[in-house]
Amino acid sequence: MEAAVAAECAGRLGAFEGYHNLLFKQTDRLNESPWTLLARKVGLAGTLLFAACLSRGSAFTAIASGTLAATNLGVSGTPTFLINDLLVRGFLRAERMNELVMNALADAADK
């Protein structure tokens, strides 16, 4: 949860992708470095803003809200895709995903 909150804060400062990628490069030692040190490593100059975001709690609230919504939808892991009422778990070949989306568009046009 702490890593998710830190990534949310990085995202609010425009550095989600870099922070996310750095977290995944060190999943076995996430708690060894302070979150602000990782923020500096991805080029976040405003680590004071980052630290303030970590302490405010609004990022935690956003993550908790998203987690609750996912649970209510039956999402238990990533990746999960919701195509209208269809819940798709895991990766699908691009062709199959395209087929599902095109079918959903056709169904919506028929209504």
PDB file of N, CA and C in Angstrom:
ATOM      1  N   MET A   1       0.827  -1.193   0.000  1.00  0.00           N
ATOM      2  CA  MET A   1       0.000   0.000   0.000  1.00  0.00           C
ATOM      3  C   MET A   1       0.869   1.253   0.000  1.00  0.00           C
ATOM      4  N   GLU A   2       1.944   1.212   0.770  1.00  0.00           N
ATOM      5  CA  GLU A   2       2.825   2.390   0.818  1.00  0.00           C
ATOM      6  C   GLU A   2       3.420   2.693  -0.554  1.00  0.00           C
ATOM      7  N   ALA A   3       3.817   1.658  -1.278  1.00  0.00           N
ATOM      8  CA  ALA A   3       4.378   1.864  -2.618  1.00  0.00           C
ATOM      9  C   ALA A   3       3.326   2.434  -3.562  1.00  0.00           C
ATOM     10  N   ALA A   4       2.094   1.961  -3.449  1.00  0.00           N
ATOM     11  CA  ALA A   4       1.016   2.475  -4.292  1.00  0.00           C
ATOM     12  C   ALA A   4       0.756   3.947  -3.995  1.00  0.00           C
ATOM     13  N   VAL A   5       0.767   4.314  -2.729  1.00  0.00           N
ATOM     14  CA  VAL A   5       0.567   5.711  -2.338  1.00  0.00           C
ATOM     15  C   VAL A   5       1.712   6.569  -2.881  1.00  0.00           C
ATOM     16  N   ALA A   6       2.930   6.078  -2.770  1.00  0.00           N
ATOM     17  CA  ALA A   6       4.080   6.828  -3.284  1.00  0.00           C
ATOM     18  C   ALA A   6       3.974   7.006  -4.801  1.00  0.00           C
ATOM     19  N   ALA A   7       3.552   5.970  -5.502  1.00  0.00           N
ATOM     20  CA  ALA A   7       3.385   6.072  -6.954  1.00  0.00           C
ATOM     21  C   ALA A   7       2.276   7.062  -7.298  1.00  0.00           C
ATOM     22  N   GLU A   8       1.204   7.069  -6.528  1.00  0.00           N
ATOM     23  CA  GLU A   8       0.114   8.038  -6.734  1.00  0.00           C
ATOM     24  C   GLU A   8       0.644   9.457  -6.559  1.00  0.00           C
ATOM     25  N   CYS A   9       1.441   9.671  -5.521  1.00  0.00           N
ATOM     26  CA  CYS A   9       2.012  10.997  -5.301  1.00  0.00           C
ATOM     27  C   CYS A   9       2.952  11.395  -6.434  1.00  0.00           C
ATOM     28  N   ALA A  10       3.754  10.462  -6.900  1.00  0.00           N
ATOM     29  CA  ALA A  10       4.636  10.746  -8.033  1.00  0.00           C
ATOM     30  C   ALA A  10       3.805  11.109  -9.261  1.00  0.00           C
ATOM     31  N   GLY A  11       2.710  10.397  -9.455  1.00  0.00           N
ATOM     32  CA  GLY A  11       1.833  10.689 -10.582  1.00  0.00           C
ATOM     33  C   GLY A  11       1.228  12.074 -10.507  1.00  0.00           C
ATOM     34  N   ARG A  12       0.878  12.489  -9.318  1.00  0.00           N
ATOM     35  CA  ARG A  12       0.321  13.835  -9.147  1.00  0.00           C
ATOM     36  C   ARG A  12       1.333  14.911  -9.503  1.00  0.00           C
ATOM     37  N   LEU A  13       2.607  14.542  -9.487  1.00  0.00           N
ATOM     38  CA  LEU A  13       3.667  15.488  -9.841  1.00  0.00           C
ATOM     39  C   LEU A  13       4.237  15.201 -11.227  1.00  0.00           C
ATOM     40  N   GLY A  14       3.551  14.356 -11.991  1.00  0.00           N
ATOM     41  CA  GLY A  14       3.935  14.109 -13.375  1.00  0.00           C
ATOM     42  C   GLY A  14       5.012  13.067 -13.593  1.00  0.00           C
ATOM     43  N   ALA A  15       5.256  12.205 -12.609  1.00  0.00           N
ATOM     44  CA  ALA A  15       6.341  11.233 -12.751  1.00  0.00           C
ATOM     45  C   ALA A  15       5.888   9.808 -12.456  1.00  0.00           C
ATOM     46  N   PHE A  16       4.611   9.497 -12.725  1.00  0.00           N
ATOM     47  CA  PHE A  16       4.114   8.170 -12.390  1.00  0.00           C
ATOM     48  C   PHE A  16       4.885   7.062 -13.106  1.00  0.00           C
ATOM     49  N   GLU A  17       5.040   7.179 -14.410  1.00  0.00           N
ATOM     50  CA  GLU A  17       5.649   6.084 -15.172  1.00  0.00           C
ATOM     51  C   GLU A  17       7.062   5.764 -14.688  1.00  0.00           C
ATOM     52  N   GLY A  18       7.880   6.778 -14.519  1.00  0.00           N
ATOM     53  CA  GLY A  18       9.241   6.553 -14.057  1.00  0.00           C
ATOM     54  C   GLY A  18       9.287   5.958 -12.660  1.00  0.00           C
ATOM     55  N   TYR A  19       8.437   6.463 -11.779  1.00  0.00           N
ATOM     56  CA  TYR A  19       8.397   5.963 -10.402  1.00  0.00           C
ATOM     57  C   TYR A  19       7.895   4.525 -10.382  1.00  0.00           C
ATOM     58  N   HIS A  20       6.840   4.266 -11.111  1.00  0.00           N
ATOM     59  CA  HIS A  20       6.277   2.915 -11.223  1.00  0.00           C
ATOM     60  C   HIS A  20       7.332   1.939 -11.721  1.00  0.00           C
ATOM     61  N   ASN A  21       8.031   2.314 -12.782  1.00  0.00           N
ATOM     62  CA  ASN A  21       9.061   1.435 -13.346  1.00  0.00           C
ATOM     63  C   ASN A  21      10.183   1.179 -12.344  1.00  0.00           C
ATOM     64  N   LEU A  22      10.582   2.204 -11.616  1.00  0.00           N
ATOM     65  CA  LEU A  22      11.629   2.039 -10.601  1.00  0.00           C
ATOM     66  C   LEU A  22      11.166   1.101  -9.489  1.00  0.00           C
ATOM     67  N   LEU A  23       9.920   1.241  -9.063  1.00  0.00           N
ATOM     68  CA  LEU A  23       9.384   0.341  -8.031  1.00  0.00           C
ATOM     69  C   LEU A  23       9.435  -1.111  -8.498  1.00  0.00           C
ATOM     70  N   PHE A  24       9.045  -1.359  -9.737  1.00  0.00           N
ATOM     71  CA  PHE A  24       9.028  -2.725 -10.237  1.00  0.00           C
ATOM     72  C   PHE A  24      10.429  -3.293 -10.453  1.00  0.00           C
ATOM     73  N   LYS A  25      11.427  -2.442 -10.602  1.00  0.00           N
ATOM     74  CA  LYS A  25      12.806  -2.922 -10.727  1.00  0.00           C
ATOM     75  C   LYS A  25      13.362  -3.395  -9.392  1.00  0.00           C
ATOM     76  N   GLN A  26      12.719  -3.013  -8.293  1.00  0.00           N
ATOM     77  CA  GLN A  26      13.252  -3.381  -6.975  1.00  0.00           C
ATOM     78  C   GLN A  26      12.155  -3.911  -6.055  1.00  0.00           C
ATOM     79  N   THR A  27      11.285  -4.741  -6.578  1.00  0.00           N
ATOM     80  CA  THR A  27      10.182  -5.262  -5.771  1.00  0.00           C
ATOM     81  C   THR A  27      10.654  -6.065  -4.571  1.00  0.00           C
ATOM     82  N   ASP A  28      11.839  -6.638  -4.646  1.00  0.00           N
ATOM     83  CA  ASP A  28      12.344  -7.449  -3.542  1.00  0.00           C
ATOM     84  C   ASP A  28      12.929  -6.612  -2.402  1.00  0.00           C
ATOM     85  N   ARG A  29      13.069  -5.304  -2.612  1.00  0.00           N
ATOM     86  CA  ARG A  29      13.645  -4.449  -1.575  1.00  0.00           C
ATOM     87  C   ARG A  29      12.957  -3.080  -1.519  1.00  0.00           C
ATOM     88  N   LEU A  30      11.645  -3.093  -1.622  1.00  0.00           N
ATOM     89  CA  LEU A  30      10.882  -1.841  -1.653  1.00  0.00           C
ATOM     90  C   LEU A  30      11.077  -0.965  -0.430  1.00  0.00           C
ATOM     91  N   ASN A  31      11.170  -1.538   0.724  1.00  0.00           N
ATOM     92  CA  ASN A  31      11.237  -0.733   1.949  1.00  0.00           C
ATOM     93  C   ASN A  31      12.658  -0.365   2.363  1.00  0.00           C
ATOM     94  N   GLU A  32      13.637  -0.627   1.497  1.00  0.00           N
ATOM     95  CA  GLU A  32      15.015  -0.314   1.852  1.00  0.00           C
ATOM     96  C   GLU A  32      15.375   1.146   1.603  1.00  0.00           C
ATOM     97  N   SER A  33      14.717   1.787   0.654  1.00  0.00           N
ATOM     98  CA  SER A  33      15.007   3.184   0.342  1.00  0.00           C
ATOM     99  C   SER A  33      13.807   4.049   0.685  1.00  0.00           C
ATOM    100  N   PRO A  34      14.070   5.236   1.244  1.00  0.00           N
ATOM    101  CA  PRO A  34      12.946   6.144   1.500  1.00  0.00           C
ATOM    102  C   PRO A  34      12.252   6.513   0.184  1.00  0.00           C
ATOM    103  N   TRP A  35      10.948   6.690   0.251  1.00  0.00           N
ATOM    104  CA  TRP A  35      10.180   7.009  -0.967  1.00  0.00           C
ATOM    105  C   TRP A  35      10.693   8.282  -1.619  1.00  0.00           C
ATOM    106  N   THR A  36      11.135   9.261  -0.804  1.00  0.00           N
ATOM    107  CA  THR A  36      11.627  10.516  -1.374  1.00  0.00           C
ATOM    108  C   THR A  36      12.946  10.318  -2.127  1.00  0.00           C
ATOM    109  N   LEU A  37      13.783   9.389  -1.687  1.00  0.00           N
ATOM    110  CA  LEU A  37      15.018   9.102  -2.408  1.00  0.00           C
ATOM    111  C   LEU A  37      14.693   8.531  -3.786  1.00  0.00           C
ATOM    112  N   LEU A  38      13.715   7.642  -3.840  1.00  0.00           N
ATOM    113  CA  LEU A  38      13.293   7.105  -5.133  1.00  0.00           C
ATOM    114  C   LEU A  38      12.723   8.211  -6.015  1.00  0.00           C
ATOM    115  N   ALA A  39      12.017   9.154  -5.414  1.00  0.00           N
ATOM    116  CA  ALA A  39      11.471  10.281  -6.171  1.00  0.00           C
ATOM    117  C   ALA A  39      12.596  11.086  -6.814  1.00  0.00           C
ATOM    118  N   ARG A  40      13.666  11.316  -6.060  1.00  0.00           N
ATOM    119  CA  ARG A  40      14.809  12.030  -6.627  1.00  0.00           C
ATOM    120  C   ARG A  40      15.422  11.253  -7.787  1.00  0.00           C
ATOM    121  N   LYS A  41      15.470   9.921  -7.650  1.00  0.00           N
ATOM    122  CA  LYS A  41      16.072   9.087  -8.700  1.00  0.00           C
ATOM    123  C   LYS A  41      15.317   9.177 -10.022  1.00  0.00           C
ATOM    124  N   VAL A  42      14.022   9.468  -9.961  1.00  0.00           N
ATOM    125  CA  VAL A  42      13.250   9.590 -11.203  1.00  0.00           C
ATOM    126  C   VAL A  42      13.124  11.043 -11.652  1.00  0.00           C
ATOM    127  N   GLY A  43      13.868  11.918 -11.000  1.00  0.00           N
ATOM    128  CA  GLY A  43      13.931  13.301 -11.442  1.00  0.00           C
ATOM    129  C   GLY A  43      12.892  14.232 -10.862  1.00  0.00           C
ATOM    130  N   LEU A  44      12.236  13.823  -9.781  1.00  0.00           N
ATOM    131  CA  LEU A  44      11.285  14.725  -9.131  1.00  0.00           C
ATOM    132  C   LEU A  44      12.064  15.741  -8.315  1.00  0.00           C
ATOM    133  N   ALA A  45      12.126  16.943  -8.813  1.00  0.00           N
ATOM    134  CA  ALA A  45      12.860  17.993  -8.107  1.00  0.00           C
ATOM    135  C   ALA A  45      12.093  18.447  -6.871  1.00  0.00           C
ATOM    136  N   GLY A  46      10.774  18.399  -6.952  1.00  0.00           N
ATOM    137  CA  GLY A  46       9.954  18.872  -5.844  1.00  0.00           C
ATOM    138  C   GLY A  46       9.693  17.804  -4.810  1.00  0.00           C
ATOM    139  N   THR A  47      10.747  17.283  -4.197  1.00  0.00           N
ATOM    140  CA  THR A  47      10.540  16.221  -3.215  1.00  0.00           C
ATOM    141  C   THR A  47       9.818  16.725  -1.974  1.00  0.00           C
ATOM    142  N   LEU A  48       9.848  18.029  -1.721  1.00  0.00           N
ATOM    143  CA  LEU A  48       9.066  18.563  -0.604  1.00  0.00           C
ATOM    144  C   LEU A  48       7.574  18.405  -0.899  1.00  0.00           C
ATOM    145  N   LEU A  49       7.183  18.666  -2.135  1.00  0.00           N
ATOM    146  CA  LEU A  49       5.785  18.465  -2.531  1.00  0.00           C
ATOM    147  C   LEU A  49       5.429  16.982  -2.462  1.00  0.00           C
ATOM    148  N   PHE A  50       6.373  16.157  -2.878  1.00  0.00           N
ATOM    149  CA  PHE A  50       6.169  14.709  -2.838  1.00  0.00           C
ATOM    150  C   PHE A  50       5.980  14.247  -1.392  1.00  0.00           C
ATOM    151  N   ALA A  51       6.849  14.692  -0.504  1.00  0.00           N
ATOM    152  CA  ALA A  51       6.756  14.318   0.913  1.00  0.00           C
ATOM    153  C   ALA A  51       5.445  14.823   1.528  1.00  0.00           C
ATOM    154  N   ALA A  52       5.035  16.024   1.140  1.00  0.00           N
ATOM    155  CA  ALA A  52       3.770  16.563   1.647  1.00  0.00           C
ATOM    156  C   ALA A  52       2.604  15.701   1.188  1.00  0.00           C
ATOM    157  N   CYS A  53       2.643  15.256  -0.053  1.00  0.00           N
ATOM    158  CA  CYS A  53       1.587  14.374  -0.571  1.00  0.00           C
ATOM    159  C   CYS A  53       1.543  13.077   0.225  1.00  0.00           C
ATOM    160  N   LEU A  54       2.704  12.518   0.533  1.00  0.00           N
ATOM    161  CA  LEU A  54       2.760  11.271   1.305  1.00  0.00           C
ATOM    162  C   LEU A  54       2.123  11.440   2.682  1.00  0.00           C
ATOM    163  N   SER A  55       2.301  12.603   3.282  1.00  0.00           N
ATOM    164  CA  SER A  55       1.811  12.787   4.644  1.00  0.00           C
ATOM    165  C   SER A  55       0.361  13.265   4.723  1.00  0.00           C
ATOM    166  N   ARG A  56      -0.165  13.795   3.640  1.00  0.00           N
ATOM    167  CA  ARG A  56      -1.516  14.353   3.660  1.00  0.00           C
ATOM    168  C   ARG A  56      -2.612  13.315   3.777  1.00  0.00           C
ATOM    169  N   GLY A  57      -2.452  12.181   3.152  1.00  0.00           N
ATOM    170  CA  GLY A  57      -3.474  11.149   3.229  1.00  0.00           C
ATOM    171  C   GLY A  57      -4.423  11.111   2.049  1.00  0.00           C
ATOM    172  N   SER A  58      -4.440  12.147   1.216  1.00  0.00           N
ATOM    173  CA  SER A  58      -5.368  12.142   0.087  1.00  0.00           C
ATOM    174  C   SER A  58      -4.992  11.076  -0.941  1.00  0.00           C
ATOM    175  N   ALA A  59      -3.709  10.810  -1.093  1.00  0.00           N
ATOM    176  CA  ALA A  59      -3.284   9.752  -2.019  1.00  0.00           C
ATOM    177  C   ALA A  59      -3.717   8.387  -1.483  1.00  0.00           C
ATOM    178  N   PHE A  60      -3.587   8.188  -0.169  1.00  0.00           N
ATOM    179  CA  PHE A  60      -4.041   6.941   0.439  1.00  0.00           C
ATOM    180  C   PHE A  60      -5.538   6.761   0.213  1.00  0.00           C
ATOM    181  N   THR A  61      -6.295   7.834   0.396  1.00  0.00           N
ATOM    182  CA  THR A  61      -7.741   7.778   0.188  1.00  0.00           C
ATOM    183  C   THR A  61      -8.072   7.403  -1.251  1.00  0.00           C
ATOM    184  N   ALA A  62      -7.351   7.965  -2.209  1.00  0.00           N
ATOM    185  CA  ALA A  62      -7.584   7.650  -3.623  1.00  0.00           C
ATOM    186  C   ALA A  62      -7.291   6.180  -3.911  1.00  0.00           C
ATOM    187  N   ILE A  63      -6.187   5.669  -3.367  1.00  0.00           N
ATOM    188  CA  ILE A  63      -5.826   4.261  -3.578  1.00  0.00           C
ATOM    189  C   ILE A  63      -6.863   3.352  -2.922  1.00  0.00           C
ATOM    190  N   ALA A  64      -7.254   3.666  -1.695  1.00  0.00           N
ATOM    191  CA  ALA A  64      -8.243   2.846  -0.988  1.00  0.00           C
ATOM    192  C   ALA A  64      -9.576   2.852  -1.723  1.00  0.00           C
ATOM    193  N   SER A  65      -9.963   3.994  -2.251  1.00  0.00           N
ATOM    194  CA  SER A  65     -11.213   4.103  -2.999  1.00  0.00           C
ATOM    195  C   SER A  65     -11.165   3.252  -4.267  1.00  0.00           C
ATOM    196  N   GLY A  66     -10.047   3.321  -4.980  1.00  0.00           N
ATOM    197  CA  GLY A  66      -9.881   2.508  -6.186  1.00  0.00           C
ATOM    198  C   GLY A  66      -9.867   1.024  -5.875  1.00  0.00           C
ATOM    199  N   THR A  67      -9.248   0.663  -4.766  1.00  0.00           N
ATOM    200  CA  THR A  67      -9.204  -0.743  -4.348  1.00  0.00           C
ATOM    201  C   THR A  67     -10.594  -1.251  -4.011  1.00  0.00           C
ATOM    202  N   LEU A  68     -11.375  -0.435  -3.322  1.00  0.00           N
ATOM    203  CA  LEU A  68     -12.744  -0.815  -2.988  1.00  0.00           C
ATOM    204  C   LEU A  68     -13.591  -0.968  -4.250  1.00  0.00           C
ATOM    205  N   ALA A  69     -13.455  -0.034  -5.178  1.00  0.00           N
ATOM    206  CA  ALA A  69     -14.200  -0.118  -6.437  1.00  0.00           C
ATOM    207  C   ALA A  69     -13.824  -1.379  -7.203  1.00  0.00           C
ATOM    208  N   ALA A  70     -12.541  -1.690  -7.246  1.00  0.00           N
ATOM    209  CA  ALA A  70     -12.080  -2.897  -7.943  1.00  0.00           C
ATOM    210  C   ALA A  70     -12.649  -4.152  -7.283  1.00  0.00           C
ATOM    211  N   THR A  71     -12.631  -4.189  -5.976  1.00  0.00           N
ATOM    212  CA  THR A  71     -13.180  -5.328  -5.242  1.00  0.00           C
ATOM    213  C   THR A  71     -14.662  -5.498  -5.541  1.00  0.00           C
ATOM    214  N   ASN A  72     -15.392  -4.391  -5.559  1.00  0.00           N
ATOM    215  CA  ASN A  72     -16.824  -4.447  -5.851  1.00  0.00           C
ATOM    216  C   ASN A  72     -17.112  -4.933  -7.267  1.00  0.00           C
ATOM    217  N   LEU A  73     -16.173  -4.706  -8.181  1.00  0.00           N
ATOM    218  CA  LEU A  73     -16.334  -5.173  -9.562  1.00  0.00           C
ATOM    219  C   LEU A  73     -15.862  -6.613  -9.750  1.00  0.00           C
ATOM    220  N   GLY A  74     -15.248  -7.176  -8.734  1.00  0.00           N
ATOM    221  CA  GLY A  74     -14.737  -8.537  -8.839  1.00  0.00           C
ATOM    222  C   GLY A  74     -13.320  -8.619  -9.359  1.00  0.00           C
ATOM    223  N   VAL A  75     -12.610  -7.499  -9.373  1.00  0.00           N
ATOM    224  CA  VAL A  75     -11.224  -7.472  -9.825  1.00  0.00           C
ATOM    225  C   VAL A  75     -10.351  -7.971  -8.688  1.00  0.00           C
ATOM    226  N   SER A  76      -9.546  -8.983  -8.999  1.00  0.00           N
ATOM    227  CA  SER A  76      -8.682  -9.547  -7.959  1.00  0.00           C
ATOM    228  C   SER A  76      -7.206  -9.449  -8.314  1.00  0.00           C
ATOM    229  N   GLY A  77      -6.895  -8.906  -9.465  1.00  0.00           N
ATOM    230  CA  GLY A  77      -5.502  -8.778  -9.858  1.00  0.00           C
ATOM    231  C   GLY A  77      -5.372  -7.979 -11.132  1.00  0.00           C
ATOM    232  N   THR A  78      -4.141  -7.775 -11.524  1.00  0.00           N
ATOM    233  CA  THR A  78      -3.883  -7.054 -12.762  1.00  0.00           C
ATOM    234  C   THR A  78      -3.137  -7.955 -13.719  1.00  0.00           C
ATOM    235  N   PRO A  79      -3.328  -7.763 -14.989  1.00  0.00           N
ATOM    236  CA  PRO A  79      -4.258  -6.803 -15.575  1.00  0.00           C
ATOM    237  C   PRO A  79      -5.682  -7.350 -15.584  1.00  0.00           C
ATOM    238  N   THR A  80      -6.608  -6.455 -15.442  1.00  0.00           N
ATOM    239  CA  THR A  80      -8.027  -6.753 -15.596  1.00  0.00           C
ATOM    240  C   THR A  80      -8.629  -5.629 -16.425  1.00  0.00           C
ATOM    241  N   PHE A  81      -9.429  -5.996 -17.387  1.00  0.00           N
ATOM    242  CA  PHE A  81     -10.067  -5.020 -18.266  1.00  0.00           C
ATOM    243  C   PHE A  81     -11.573  -5.158 -18.130  1.00  0.00           C
ATOM    244  N   LEU A  82     -12.255  -4.042 -18.136  1.00  0.00           N
ATOM    245  CA  LEU A  82     -13.707  -4.028 -18.116  1.00  0.00           C
ATOM    246  C   LEU A  82     -14.166  -3.451 -19.452  1.00  0.00           C
ATOM    247  N   ILE A  83     -14.822  -4.290 -20.233  1.00  0.00           N
ATOM    248  CA  ILE A  83     -15.346  -3.868 -21.535  1.00  0.00           C
ATOM    249  C   ILE A  83     -16.862  -3.959 -21.424  1.00  0.00           C
ATOM    250  N   ASN A  84     -17.472  -2.809 -21.199  1.00  0.00           N
ATOM    251  CA  ASN A  84     -18.901  -2.752 -20.848  1.00  0.00           C
ATOM    252  C   ASN A  84     -19.128  -3.655 -19.644  1.00  0.00           C
ATOM    253  N   ASP A  85     -19.932  -4.683 -19.766  1.00  0.00           N
ATOM    254  CA  ASP A  85     -20.207  -5.561 -18.624  1.00  0.00           C
ATOM    255  C   ASP A  85     -19.288  -6.780 -18.565  1.00  0.00           C
ATOM    256  N   LEU A  86     -18.365  -6.876 -19.493  1.00  0.00           N
ATOM    257  CA  LEU A  86     -17.474  -8.036 -19.568  1.00  0.00           C
ATOM    258  C   LEU A  86     -16.189  -7.773 -18.790  1.00  0.00           C
ATOM    259  N   LEU A  87     -15.898  -8.639 -17.826  1.00  0.00           N
ATOM    260  CA  LEU A  87     -14.672  -8.551 -17.044  1.00  0.00           C
ATOM    261  C   LEU A  87     -13.657  -9.513 -17.652  1.00  0.00           C
ATOM    262  N   VAL A  88     -12.540  -8.979 -18.110  1.00  0.00           N
ATOM    263  CA  VAL A  88     -11.502  -9.778 -18.764  1.00  0.00           C
ATOM    264  C   VAL A  88     -10.284  -9.794 -17.860  1.00  0.00           C
ATOM    265  N   ARG A  89      -9.926 -10.977 -17.368  1.00  0.00           N
ATOM    266  CA  ARG A  89      -8.767 -11.112 -16.471  1.00  0.00           C
ATOM    267  C   ARG A  89      -7.559 -11.605 -17.263  1.00  0.00           C
ATOM    268  N   GLY A  90      -6.429 -10.982 -17.031  1.00  0.00           N
ATOM    269  CA  GLY A  90      -5.187 -11.421 -17.654  1.00  0.00           C
ATOM    270  C   GLY A  90      -4.984 -10.839 -19.037  1.00  0.00           C
ATOM    271  N   PHE A  91      -3.832 -11.137 -19.590  1.00  0.00           N
ATOM    272  CA  PHE A  91      -3.499 -10.658 -20.925  1.00  0.00           C
ATOM    273  C   PHE A  91      -4.169 -11.525 -21.972  1.00  0.00           C
ATOM    274  N   LEU A  92      -4.647 -10.880 -23.006  1.00  0.00           N
ATOM    275  CA  LEU A  92      -5.172 -11.575 -24.174  1.00  0.00           C
ATOM    276  C   LEU A  92      -4.355 -11.134 -25.374  1.00  0.00           C
ATOM    277  N   ARG A  93      -4.323 -11.960 -26.370  1.00  0.00           N
ATOM    278  CA  ARG A  93      -3.679 -11.547 -27.619  1.00  0.00           C
ATOM    279  C   ARG A  93      -4.389 -10.291 -28.121  1.00  0.00           C
ATOM    280  N   ALA A  94      -3.669  -9.460 -28.810  1.00  0.00           N
ATOM    281  CA  ALA A  94      -4.239  -8.202 -29.315  1.00  0.00           C
ATOM    282  C   ALA A  94      -5.449  -8.467 -30.200  1.00  0.00           C
ATOM    283  N   GLU A  95      -5.383  -9.510 -30.999  1.00  0.00           N
ATOM    284  CA  GLU A  95      -6.498  -9.829 -31.899  1.00  0.00           C
ATOM    285  C   GLU A  95      -7.767 -10.143 -31.106  1.00  0.00           C
ATOM    286  N   ARG A  96      -7.613 -10.919 -30.026  1.00  0.00           N
ATOM    287  CA  ARG A  96      -8.767 -11.290 -29.214  1.00  0.00           C
ATOM    288  C   ARG A  96      -9.325 -10.074 -28.481  1.00  0.00           C
ATOM    289  N   MET A  97      -8.463  -9.232 -27.952  1.00  0.00           N
ATOM    290  CA  MET A  97      -8.917  -8.026 -27.267  1.00  0.00           C
ATOM    291  C   MET A  97      -9.649  -7.122 -28.255  1.00  0.00           C
ATOM    292  N   ASN A  98      -9.098  -6.968 -29.448  1.00  0.00           N
ATOM    293  CA  ASN A  98      -9.743  -6.163 -30.480  1.00  0.00           C
ATOM    294  C   ASN A  98     -11.131  -6.718 -30.820  1.00  0.00           C
ATOM    295  N   GLU A  99     -11.232  -8.031 -30.911  1.00  0.00           N
ATOM    296  CA  GLU A  99     -12.517  -8.676 -31.193  1.00  0.00           C
ATOM    297  C   GLU A  99     -13.538  -8.361 -30.099  1.00  0.00           C
ATOM    298  N   LEU A 100     -13.122  -8.446 -28.849  1.00  0.00           N
ATOM    299  CA  LEU A 100     -14.027  -8.151 -27.733  1.00  0.00           C
ATOM    300  C   LEU A 100     -14.499  -6.694 -27.757  1.00  0.00           C
ATOM    301  N   VAL A 101     -13.581  -5.789 -28.044  1.00  0.00           N
ATOM    302  CA  VAL A 101     -13.938  -4.371 -28.100  1.00  0.00           C
ATOM    303  C   VAL A 101     -14.871  -4.103 -29.273  1.00  0.00           C
ATOM    304  N   MET A 102     -14.570  -4.676 -30.418  1.00  0.00           N
ATOM    305  CA  MET A 102     -15.428  -4.475 -31.596  1.00  0.00           C
ATOM    306  C   MET A 102     -16.820  -5.041 -31.353  1.00  0.00           C
ATOM    307  N   ASN A 103     -16.914  -6.191 -30.689  1.00  0.00           N
ATOM    308  CA  ASN A 103     -18.222  -6.766 -30.357  1.00  0.00           C
ATOM    309  C   ASN A 103     -18.993  -5.847 -29.412  1.00  0.00           C
ATOM    310  N   ALA A 104     -18.299  -5.279 -28.441  1.00  0.00           N
ATOM    311  CA  ALA A 104     -18.947  -4.371 -27.502  1.00  0.00           C
ATOM    312  C   ALA A 104     -19.452  -3.108 -28.221  1.00  0.00           C
ATOM    313  N   LEU A 105     -18.663  -2.610 -29.147  1.00  0.00           N
ATOM    314  CA  LEU A 105     -19.093  -1.438 -29.923  1.00  0.00           C
ATOM    315  C   LEU A 105     -20.310  -1.762 -30.771  1.00  0.00           C
ATOM    316  N   ALA A 106     -20.298  -2.946 -31.400  1.00  0.00           N
ATOM    317  CA  ALA A 106     -21.440  -3.361 -32.219  1.00  0.00           C
ATOM    318  C   ALA A 106     -22.693  -3.518 -31.361  1.00  0.00           C
ATOM    319  N   ASP A 107     -22.534  -4.119 -30.181  1.00  0.00           N
ATOM    320  CA  ASP A 107     -23.672  -4.288 -29.266  1.00  0.00           C
ATOM    321  C   ASP A 107     -24.226  -2.925 -28.850  1.00  0.00           C
ATOM    322  N   ALA A 108     -23.346  -1.976 -28.572  1.00  0.00           N
ATOM    323  CA  ALA A 108     -23.783  -0.645 -28.150  1.00  0.00           C
ATOM    324  C   ALA A 108     -24.511   0.070 -29.289  1.00  0.00           C
ATOM    325  N   ALA A 109     -24.054  -0.134 -30.525  1.00  0.00           N
ATOM    326  CA  ALA A 109     -24.698   0.502 -31.672  1.00  0.00           C
ATOM    327  C   ALA A 109     -26.089  -0.069 -31.922  1.00  0.00           C
ATOM    328  N   ASP A 110     -26.280  -1.337 -31.567  1.00  0.00           N
ATOM    329  CA  ASP A 110     -27.579  -1.992 -31.757  1.00  0.00           C
ATOM    330  C   ASP A 110     -28.633  -1.525 -30.757  1.00  0.00           C
ATOM    331  N   LYS A 111     -28.189  -0.939 -29.668  1.00  0.00           N
ATOM    332  CA  LYS A 111     -29.128  -0.550 -28.603  1.00  0.00           C
ATOM    333  C   LYS A 111     -29.730   0.792 -28.811  1.00  0.00           C
TER     334      LYS A 111
END
